[in-house]
Every structure is written in structure tokens, then in C-alpha cells.
N, C-alpha and C. Protein backbone atom coordinates (compact mmCIF):
# COMPACT_ATOMS: atom_id res chain seq x y z
N MET A 1 24.11 -5.42 210.45
CA MET A 1 23.81 -6.78 210.05
C MET A 1 24.12 -6.88 208.47
N LYS A 2 23.45 -6.02 207.86
CA LYS A 2 23.48 -6.07 206.38
C LYS A 2 24.83 -5.78 205.89
N LYS A 3 25.60 -4.76 206.56
CA LYS A 3 27.01 -4.49 206.23
C LYS A 3 27.79 -5.64 206.26
N SER A 4 27.62 -6.35 207.35
CA SER A 4 28.63 -7.48 207.56
C SER A 4 28.37 -8.53 206.55
N ILE A 5 27.16 -8.78 206.10
CA ILE A 5 26.91 -9.75 205.16
C ILE A 5 27.43 -9.16 203.76
N LEU A 6 27.37 -7.89 203.54
CA LEU A 6 27.71 -7.52 202.28
C LEU A 6 29.36 -7.47 202.20
N ILE A 7 30.04 -7.24 203.43
CA ILE A 7 31.46 -7.25 203.48
C ILE A 7 31.84 -8.78 203.16
N ILE A 8 31.19 -9.67 203.90
CA ILE A 8 31.49 -11.11 203.76
C ILE A 8 31.39 -11.52 202.36
N GLY A 9 30.35 -11.09 201.63
CA GLY A 9 30.06 -11.41 200.20
C GLY A 9 31.15 -10.87 199.38
N MET A 10 31.63 -9.58 199.65
CA MET A 10 32.85 -9.02 198.88
C MET A 10 34.04 -9.74 198.97
N VAL A 11 34.21 -10.25 200.19
CA VAL A 11 35.47 -10.94 200.51
C VAL A 11 35.56 -12.26 199.82
N PHE A 12 34.34 -12.99 199.82
CA PHE A 12 34.48 -14.31 199.09
C PHE A 12 34.47 -13.95 197.73
N THR A 13 33.91 -13.06 197.15
CA THR A 13 33.99 -12.64 195.63
C THR A 13 35.40 -12.36 195.31
N LEU A 14 36.09 -11.52 196.03
CA LEU A 14 37.55 -11.34 195.81
C LEU A 14 38.52 -12.55 195.85
N LEU A 15 38.20 -13.37 196.87
CA LEU A 15 38.86 -14.65 196.88
C LEU A 15 38.58 -15.46 195.76
N LEU A 16 37.45 -15.52 195.27
CA LEU A 16 37.15 -16.45 194.04
C LEU A 16 37.76 -15.87 192.86
N VAL A 17 37.62 -14.52 192.61
CA VAL A 17 38.38 -13.92 191.38
C VAL A 17 39.94 -14.10 191.52
N GLY A 18 40.53 -13.91 192.74
CA GLY A 18 41.95 -13.91 192.90
C GLY A 18 42.29 -15.42 192.60
N GLY A 19 41.51 -16.51 193.01
CA GLY A 19 41.80 -17.82 192.71
C GLY A 19 41.85 -18.20 191.23
N VAL A 20 40.79 -17.58 190.46
CA VAL A 20 40.81 -17.76 188.94
C VAL A 20 41.89 -17.03 188.30
N ILE A 21 42.24 -15.98 188.79
CA ILE A 21 43.40 -15.26 188.29
C ILE A 21 44.74 -15.95 188.39
N ALA A 22 44.88 -16.39 189.74
CA ALA A 22 46.18 -17.10 190.01
C ALA A 22 46.20 -18.43 189.24
N GLN A 23 45.12 -19.19 189.05
CA GLN A 23 45.10 -20.35 188.21
C GLN A 23 45.44 -20.11 186.72
N SER A 24 45.06 -19.03 186.24
CA SER A 24 45.26 -18.72 184.85
C SER A 24 46.75 -18.23 184.61
N LEU A 25 47.46 -17.86 185.76
CA LEU A 25 48.79 -17.45 185.52
C LEU A 25 49.81 -18.54 185.79
N LEU A 26 49.48 -19.70 186.09
CA LEU A 26 50.26 -20.92 185.98
C LEU A 26 50.67 -21.26 184.69
N PRO A 27 51.91 -21.56 184.45
CA PRO A 27 52.35 -21.92 183.10
C PRO A 27 51.71 -23.21 182.69
N ARG A 28 51.21 -23.35 181.49
CA ARG A 28 50.61 -24.50 180.99
C ARG A 28 51.93 -25.60 180.62
N GLN A 29 51.68 -26.70 181.02
CA GLN A 29 52.63 -27.80 180.90
C GLN A 29 52.22 -28.80 179.96
N ASP A 30 52.25 -28.56 178.71
CA ASP A 30 51.85 -29.57 177.75
C ASP A 30 53.08 -30.44 177.29
N SER A 31 52.80 -31.69 177.10
CA SER A 31 53.98 -32.65 176.79
C SER A 31 53.40 -33.69 175.91
N GLN A 32 54.40 -34.43 175.34
CA GLN A 32 54.00 -35.65 174.38
C GLN A 32 54.55 -36.95 175.23
N ILE A 33 53.84 -38.04 175.07
CA ILE A 33 54.10 -39.30 175.55
C ILE A 33 54.10 -40.35 174.38
N ASP A 34 54.66 -41.50 174.57
CA ASP A 34 54.66 -42.54 173.57
C ASP A 34 53.75 -43.59 174.04
N ILE A 35 53.04 -44.03 172.96
CA ILE A 35 52.25 -45.20 173.26
C ILE A 35 52.45 -46.23 172.04
N ILE A 36 52.29 -47.49 172.30
CA ILE A 36 52.53 -48.54 171.35
C ILE A 36 51.41 -48.34 170.28
N PRO A 37 51.71 -48.14 169.06
CA PRO A 37 50.75 -47.88 167.88
C PRO A 37 49.43 -48.88 167.95
N GLU A 38 49.62 -50.24 168.15
CA GLU A 38 48.47 -51.09 168.26
C GLU A 38 47.66 -50.78 169.52
N TYR A 39 48.18 -50.31 170.45
CA TYR A 39 47.36 -49.95 171.56
C TYR A 39 46.61 -48.73 171.27
N GLU A 40 47.38 -47.74 170.59
CA GLU A 40 46.64 -46.37 170.34
C GLU A 40 45.41 -46.82 169.35
N GLN A 41 45.58 -47.61 168.31
CA GLN A 41 44.48 -47.90 167.43
C GLN A 41 43.40 -48.65 168.24
N ALA A 42 43.66 -49.53 169.15
CA ALA A 42 42.57 -50.19 170.07
C ALA A 42 41.86 -49.28 170.82
N ILE A 43 42.61 -48.25 171.31
CA ILE A 43 41.85 -47.28 172.31
C ILE A 43 40.89 -46.26 171.25
N LEU A 44 41.46 -45.93 170.23
CA LEU A 44 40.63 -45.13 169.25
C LEU A 44 39.40 -45.82 168.90
N GLN A 45 39.63 -47.06 168.33
CA GLN A 45 38.54 -47.79 167.86
C GLN A 45 37.48 -47.93 169.08
N LYS A 46 37.90 -48.34 170.17
CA LYS A 46 37.00 -48.62 171.26
C LYS A 46 36.34 -47.20 171.77
N SER A 47 37.06 -46.23 171.85
CA SER A 47 36.46 -44.91 172.26
C SER A 47 35.74 -44.02 171.44
N GLY A 48 35.99 -44.34 170.14
CA GLY A 48 35.45 -43.54 168.97
C GLY A 48 36.00 -42.17 168.84
N ALA A 49 37.13 -41.94 169.57
CA ALA A 49 37.83 -40.62 169.45
C ALA A 49 38.66 -40.60 168.14
N ASN A 50 38.94 -39.43 167.63
CA ASN A 50 39.78 -39.20 166.45
C ASN A 50 41.35 -39.24 166.82
N SER A 51 41.49 -38.84 167.97
CA SER A 51 42.92 -38.87 168.32
C SER A 51 42.92 -38.86 169.92
N ILE A 52 44.18 -39.14 170.56
CA ILE A 52 44.27 -39.25 171.93
C ILE A 52 44.97 -37.80 172.34
N SER A 53 44.29 -37.07 173.05
CA SER A 53 44.70 -35.78 173.69
C SER A 53 44.12 -35.59 174.95
N VAL A 54 44.83 -36.08 175.96
CA VAL A 54 44.30 -36.15 177.26
C VAL A 54 44.54 -34.89 178.02
N GLU A 55 43.40 -34.34 178.73
CA GLU A 55 43.52 -33.14 179.45
C GLU A 55 43.95 -33.49 180.88
N VAL A 56 44.85 -32.64 181.40
CA VAL A 56 45.39 -32.93 182.82
C VAL A 56 45.28 -31.52 183.57
N SER A 57 44.62 -31.61 184.69
CA SER A 57 44.56 -30.39 185.51
C SER A 57 45.78 -30.02 186.02
N ASN A 58 45.86 -28.94 186.73
CA ASN A 58 47.06 -28.45 187.47
C ASN A 58 47.36 -29.42 188.50
N ILE A 59 48.62 -29.57 188.82
CA ILE A 59 49.06 -30.62 189.84
C ILE A 59 49.07 -29.77 191.14
N ILE A 60 48.23 -30.21 192.15
CA ILE A 60 48.01 -29.70 193.36
C ILE A 60 48.50 -30.49 194.49
N CYS A 61 49.30 -29.83 195.46
CA CYS A 61 49.90 -30.51 196.46
C CYS A 61 49.42 -30.14 197.93
N ASP A 62 49.03 -31.35 198.71
CA ASP A 62 48.79 -30.99 199.99
C ASP A 62 50.07 -31.18 200.79
N ASN A 63 49.92 -31.48 202.09
CA ASN A 63 51.00 -31.68 203.08
C ASN A 63 51.73 -33.11 202.68
N THR A 64 51.12 -33.98 202.00
CA THR A 64 51.59 -35.35 201.80
C THR A 64 51.74 -35.71 200.29
N TYR A 65 50.73 -35.40 199.66
CA TYR A 65 50.58 -35.81 198.17
C TYR A 65 50.43 -34.65 197.28
N CYS A 66 50.76 -35.09 195.94
CA CYS A 66 50.45 -34.06 194.85
C CYS A 66 49.45 -34.84 193.77
N PHE A 67 48.42 -34.26 193.29
CA PHE A 67 47.61 -34.95 192.47
C PHE A 67 47.09 -34.13 191.28
N ALA A 68 46.47 -34.75 190.31
CA ALA A 68 46.00 -34.02 189.18
C ALA A 68 44.98 -34.94 188.45
N LYS A 69 43.92 -34.30 187.94
CA LYS A 69 42.92 -35.02 187.28
C LYS A 69 43.36 -35.46 185.86
N VAL A 70 43.06 -36.51 185.28
CA VAL A 70 43.59 -36.98 183.99
C VAL A 70 42.24 -37.43 183.33
N TYR A 71 41.96 -36.76 182.09
CA TYR A 71 40.73 -37.03 181.42
C TYR A 71 40.76 -36.91 179.94
N GLN A 72 40.07 -37.70 179.19
CA GLN A 72 39.58 -37.60 177.96
C GLN A 72 38.43 -38.35 177.76
N ARG A 73 37.28 -37.74 177.28
CA ARG A 73 36.10 -38.52 177.17
C ARG A 73 36.15 -39.83 176.38
N GLY A 74 35.75 -40.82 177.06
CA GLY A 74 35.83 -42.19 176.34
C GLY A 74 37.14 -42.76 176.36
N VAL A 75 38.21 -42.19 176.80
CA VAL A 75 39.64 -42.60 176.71
C VAL A 75 40.03 -43.00 178.13
N ILE A 76 40.04 -41.89 179.02
CA ILE A 76 40.61 -42.01 180.37
C ILE A 76 40.03 -41.09 181.25
N ASN A 77 39.83 -41.54 182.45
CA ASN A 77 39.20 -40.63 183.51
C ASN A 77 39.68 -41.23 184.83
N THR A 78 40.77 -40.64 185.28
CA THR A 78 41.50 -41.02 186.49
C THR A 78 42.14 -39.92 187.21
N GLU A 79 42.77 -40.25 188.31
CA GLU A 79 43.67 -39.17 188.96
C GLU A 79 45.04 -39.68 189.08
N PHE A 80 45.95 -38.74 188.85
CA PHE A 80 47.29 -39.04 189.05
C PHE A 80 47.56 -38.54 190.62
N ARG A 81 48.30 -39.43 191.25
CA ARG A 81 48.69 -39.07 192.52
C ARG A 81 50.17 -39.59 192.91
N THR A 82 50.86 -38.77 193.56
CA THR A 82 52.32 -39.24 193.93
C THR A 82 52.69 -38.49 195.27
N ASP A 83 53.64 -39.04 195.91
CA ASP A 83 54.16 -38.44 197.04
C ASP A 83 54.72 -37.04 196.84
N ARG A 84 54.58 -36.00 197.81
CA ARG A 84 55.14 -34.87 197.71
C ARG A 84 56.66 -34.83 197.86
N TYR A 85 57.05 -35.62 198.89
CA TYR A 85 58.41 -35.69 199.20
C TYR A 85 59.04 -37.12 198.89
N PHE A 86 60.33 -37.06 198.76
CA PHE A 86 61.03 -38.33 198.80
C PHE A 86 62.23 -38.43 199.58
N CYS A 87 62.68 -39.52 200.08
CA CYS A 87 63.73 -39.63 200.98
C CYS A 87 64.90 -39.65 200.20
N ILE A 88 65.91 -38.83 200.79
CA ILE A 88 67.24 -38.70 200.20
C ILE A 88 68.33 -39.30 201.02
N GLU A 89 68.12 -39.45 202.22
CA GLU A 89 69.14 -39.92 203.27
C GLU A 89 68.48 -40.89 204.18
N TYR A 90 69.04 -42.14 204.36
CA TYR A 90 68.58 -43.14 205.10
C TYR A 90 69.43 -43.37 206.42
N ASP A 91 68.81 -43.75 207.50
CA ASP A 91 69.64 -44.45 208.69
C ASP A 91 69.34 -45.92 208.72
N ASP A 92 70.28 -46.69 208.47
CA ASP A 92 69.98 -48.06 208.57
C ASP A 92 70.87 -48.80 209.63
N SER A 93 71.21 -48.04 210.54
CA SER A 93 72.18 -48.56 211.69
C SER A 93 71.43 -49.66 212.46
N ASP A 94 70.06 -49.36 212.76
CA ASP A 94 69.48 -50.56 213.58
C ASP A 94 68.86 -51.55 212.58
N ASP A 95 67.99 -52.35 213.01
CA ASP A 95 67.33 -53.35 212.23
C ASP A 95 66.39 -52.73 211.36
N GLU A 96 65.98 -51.58 211.52
CA GLU A 96 64.93 -50.75 210.84
C GLU A 96 65.62 -49.76 209.88
N ILE A 97 65.22 -49.47 208.72
CA ILE A 97 65.64 -48.44 207.91
C ILE A 97 64.68 -47.21 208.00
N ILE A 98 65.29 -46.03 208.35
CA ILE A 98 64.48 -44.96 208.81
C ILE A 98 65.04 -43.83 207.88
N CYS A 99 64.14 -43.04 207.28
CA CYS A 99 64.42 -41.82 206.47
C CYS A 99 64.66 -40.66 207.48
N ILE A 100 65.93 -40.22 207.30
CA ILE A 100 66.30 -39.00 208.17
C ILE A 100 66.30 -37.68 207.50
N TYR A 101 66.20 -37.69 206.08
CA TYR A 101 66.10 -36.37 205.35
C TYR A 101 65.26 -36.62 204.19
N TRP A 102 64.08 -35.80 204.19
CA TRP A 102 63.16 -35.67 203.10
C TRP A 102 63.39 -34.54 202.20
N GLU A 103 63.08 -34.49 200.85
CA GLU A 103 63.29 -33.53 200.01
C GLU A 103 61.96 -33.36 199.07
N GLU A 104 61.59 -32.15 198.99
CA GLU A 104 60.23 -31.98 198.04
C GLU A 104 60.62 -32.15 196.67
N LYS A 105 59.80 -32.95 195.90
CA LYS A 105 59.97 -33.11 194.39
C LYS A 105 59.96 -31.73 193.73
N THR A 106 60.70 -31.55 192.69
CA THR A 106 60.75 -30.42 191.81
C THR A 106 59.46 -30.59 190.90
N ASN A 107 58.98 -29.36 190.27
CA ASN A 107 58.04 -29.26 189.43
C ASN A 107 58.35 -30.24 188.28
N LYS A 108 59.63 -30.32 187.78
CA LYS A 108 60.00 -31.21 186.71
C LYS A 108 59.69 -32.75 187.08
N GLU A 109 60.17 -33.04 188.24
CA GLU A 109 59.93 -34.50 188.62
C GLU A 109 58.52 -34.71 188.73
N LEU A 110 57.64 -33.73 189.18
CA LEU A 110 56.14 -33.99 189.12
C LEU A 110 55.75 -34.15 187.76
N TYR A 111 56.08 -33.37 186.82
CA TYR A 111 55.62 -33.32 185.34
C TYR A 111 56.07 -34.69 184.82
N ASP A 112 57.29 -35.07 184.92
CA ASP A 112 57.76 -36.51 184.59
C ASP A 112 56.90 -37.59 185.05
N ALA A 113 56.70 -37.52 186.41
CA ALA A 113 55.86 -38.61 187.04
C ALA A 113 54.48 -38.74 186.60
N ARG A 114 53.94 -37.48 186.28
CA ARG A 114 52.54 -37.47 185.68
C ARG A 114 52.61 -38.04 184.21
N ASP A 115 53.53 -37.67 183.43
CA ASP A 115 53.64 -38.23 182.09
C ASP A 115 53.83 -39.70 182.11
N SER A 116 54.60 -40.20 182.96
CA SER A 116 54.93 -41.62 182.99
C SER A 116 53.62 -42.36 183.48
N PHE A 117 52.91 -41.77 184.44
CA PHE A 117 51.66 -42.29 184.85
C PHE A 117 50.69 -42.43 183.58
N VAL A 118 50.39 -41.32 182.85
CA VAL A 118 49.50 -41.24 181.74
C VAL A 118 49.94 -42.31 180.69
N GLU A 119 51.21 -42.35 180.35
CA GLU A 119 51.73 -43.17 179.40
C GLU A 119 51.47 -44.85 179.82
N TYR A 120 51.74 -44.99 181.20
CA TYR A 120 51.57 -46.37 181.64
C TYR A 120 50.06 -46.67 181.49
N LYS A 121 49.18 -45.80 182.03
CA LYS A 121 47.77 -46.06 182.02
C LYS A 121 47.23 -46.31 180.59
N LEU A 122 47.60 -45.47 179.60
CA LEU A 122 47.15 -45.80 178.25
C LEU A 122 47.63 -47.01 177.76
N ASN A 123 48.79 -47.38 177.89
CA ASN A 123 49.43 -48.56 177.34
C ASN A 123 48.61 -49.85 177.99
N VAL A 124 48.43 -49.78 179.25
CA VAL A 124 47.76 -50.86 180.01
C VAL A 124 46.25 -50.92 179.35
N PHE A 125 45.65 -49.85 179.22
CA PHE A 125 44.24 -49.92 178.69
C PHE A 125 44.24 -50.31 177.10
N GLY A 126 45.27 -49.90 176.40
CA GLY A 126 45.35 -50.37 175.15
C GLY A 126 45.54 -51.98 174.96
N ASN A 127 46.46 -52.42 175.73
CA ASN A 127 46.73 -53.87 175.92
C ASN A 127 45.42 -54.71 176.39
N ALA A 128 44.78 -54.23 177.33
CA ALA A 128 43.64 -54.97 177.90
C ALA A 128 42.51 -54.86 176.78
N THR A 129 42.35 -53.78 176.01
CA THR A 129 41.38 -53.72 174.99
C THR A 129 41.71 -54.70 173.92
N ILE A 130 42.99 -54.95 173.43
CA ILE A 130 43.34 -55.85 172.50
C ILE A 130 43.04 -57.33 172.99
N GLN A 131 43.43 -57.61 174.31
CA GLN A 131 43.13 -58.99 174.82
C GLN A 131 41.58 -59.16 174.92
N ARG A 132 40.89 -58.22 175.32
CA ARG A 132 39.38 -58.42 175.38
C ARG A 132 38.79 -58.73 173.95
N ASN A 133 39.35 -57.95 173.03
CA ASN A 133 38.77 -58.06 171.68
C ASN A 133 39.13 -59.54 171.27
N GLU A 134 40.39 -60.00 171.43
CA GLU A 134 40.80 -61.28 170.99
C GLU A 134 39.96 -62.43 171.80
N ARG A 135 39.69 -62.25 173.06
CA ARG A 135 38.91 -63.16 173.87
C ARG A 135 37.46 -63.13 173.33
N ASP A 136 36.99 -62.02 173.23
CA ASP A 136 35.46 -61.96 172.71
C ASP A 136 35.38 -62.61 171.22
N ALA A 137 36.47 -62.50 170.45
CA ALA A 137 36.32 -63.19 168.98
C ALA A 137 36.41 -64.62 169.01
N SER A 138 37.08 -65.20 170.17
CA SER A 138 37.15 -66.57 170.32
C SER A 138 36.14 -67.21 171.24
N SER A 139 35.21 -66.48 171.69
CA SER A 139 34.21 -67.02 172.71
C SER A 139 32.90 -67.26 172.13
N GLU A 140 32.26 -68.30 172.87
CA GLU A 140 30.94 -68.68 172.48
C GLU A 140 30.12 -68.69 173.70
N GLU A 141 28.85 -68.31 173.49
CA GLU A 141 27.91 -68.17 174.64
C GLU A 141 27.46 -69.60 174.98
N LYS A 142 27.57 -69.82 176.32
CA LYS A 142 27.00 -71.05 176.89
C LYS A 142 25.90 -71.06 177.63
N VAL A 143 25.59 -69.86 178.39
CA VAL A 143 24.39 -69.85 179.23
C VAL A 143 23.68 -68.37 178.84
N GLY A 144 22.35 -68.47 178.80
CA GLY A 144 21.66 -67.23 178.50
C GLY A 144 21.74 -66.30 179.64
N ALA A 145 21.65 -64.92 179.24
CA ALA A 145 21.61 -63.83 180.33
C ALA A 145 20.25 -64.04 181.13
N GLY A 146 20.30 -63.40 182.24
CA GLY A 146 19.20 -63.36 183.12
C GLY A 146 19.34 -62.45 184.14
N THR A 147 18.46 -62.56 185.14
CA THR A 147 18.45 -61.60 186.45
C THR A 147 18.38 -62.56 187.66
N ILE A 148 19.17 -62.11 188.62
CA ILE A 148 19.13 -62.83 189.96
C ILE A 148 18.54 -61.99 190.85
N THR A 149 17.45 -62.36 191.53
CA THR A 149 16.89 -61.59 192.53
C THR A 149 17.30 -61.95 193.86
N VAL A 150 17.49 -61.04 194.83
CA VAL A 150 18.09 -61.43 196.00
C VAL A 150 16.77 -61.17 196.92
N THR A 151 16.55 -62.24 197.79
CA THR A 151 15.56 -62.16 198.87
C THR A 151 16.17 -62.53 200.20
N THR A 152 15.36 -62.23 201.33
CA THR A 152 15.79 -62.55 202.70
C THR A 152 15.20 -63.76 203.17
N LYS A 153 15.73 -64.48 204.07
CA LYS A 153 15.16 -65.67 204.44
C LYS A 153 14.44 -65.41 205.70
């Protein structure tokens, strides 16, 4: 019994070490994206960050989707997700359009989709931040804050 527990523990340890080594062997995919300067300034001001330098995890694919964590403290915390395959040949002979041939996205297509996603999210966040700031500057308080207590009848 003790031997089997020891063997199981060694197998799990080897799997863990193998996973860490495999992860470190993947090539790092650093890239640059463009963001509108006004949006960048709004994000930096709101987040308190000195620069925007988003960390992205490895892109991992299951049978259907590929995904990666996207994070920078105070700036962005989300998940990129895209389909693993795309249709390259359709059959539209009936009333219905049906995909008859699927192809897996290449690593370059995945990296490009990831970068486009991050660029889009940051630009949307920057725009929303500017709009909130403008709205807040022209707003006046009409009703005081309070608490609403929910009771049952």
C-alpha cells in the first residue's frame, strides 16, 4: 500500500515537473498594438499605472475554443476566446448554408486575433473612461445616497 502511494506521488510529481518544463519551452509571443493616445492617457490616469503593458497567458485550445488570460493590474482583467476552427468551404445548395470543410487556425492567426482583441478592449475602455469623465464633470447630484433594505411580505 505504501509503495503504491509512493509511486502515485512520484508520477504526479513527474507530470507536474514535465508540465512546467513544457510551458517554459513554448516561445514567448510579445507584440505591440496601437491605442488612441487620448484613450491611453485616460486609462493611465484612471488606473494609476505608469504604462500599459498587458500580460497574456499561453493560448490554450480545447476541442472547440482557444483562450488566454489577459491582465494588467488596474487596467484590464479578461479572457480572450476564439473558435479553434474556421469554415473554408460551404455547401449552400439547400435553403441552409452548411460548412463542409473546417480548418484549424494557425498560431499566427491566433496571435493576430489575440492582439486585435486586446487592442479593441483597451480602446473601448479608454473611450468609456473619457465619456464617464465628461459625464461626471457635467453632472449634479439630485438625490442623496442611501440604503434600500429588502424585506419579505
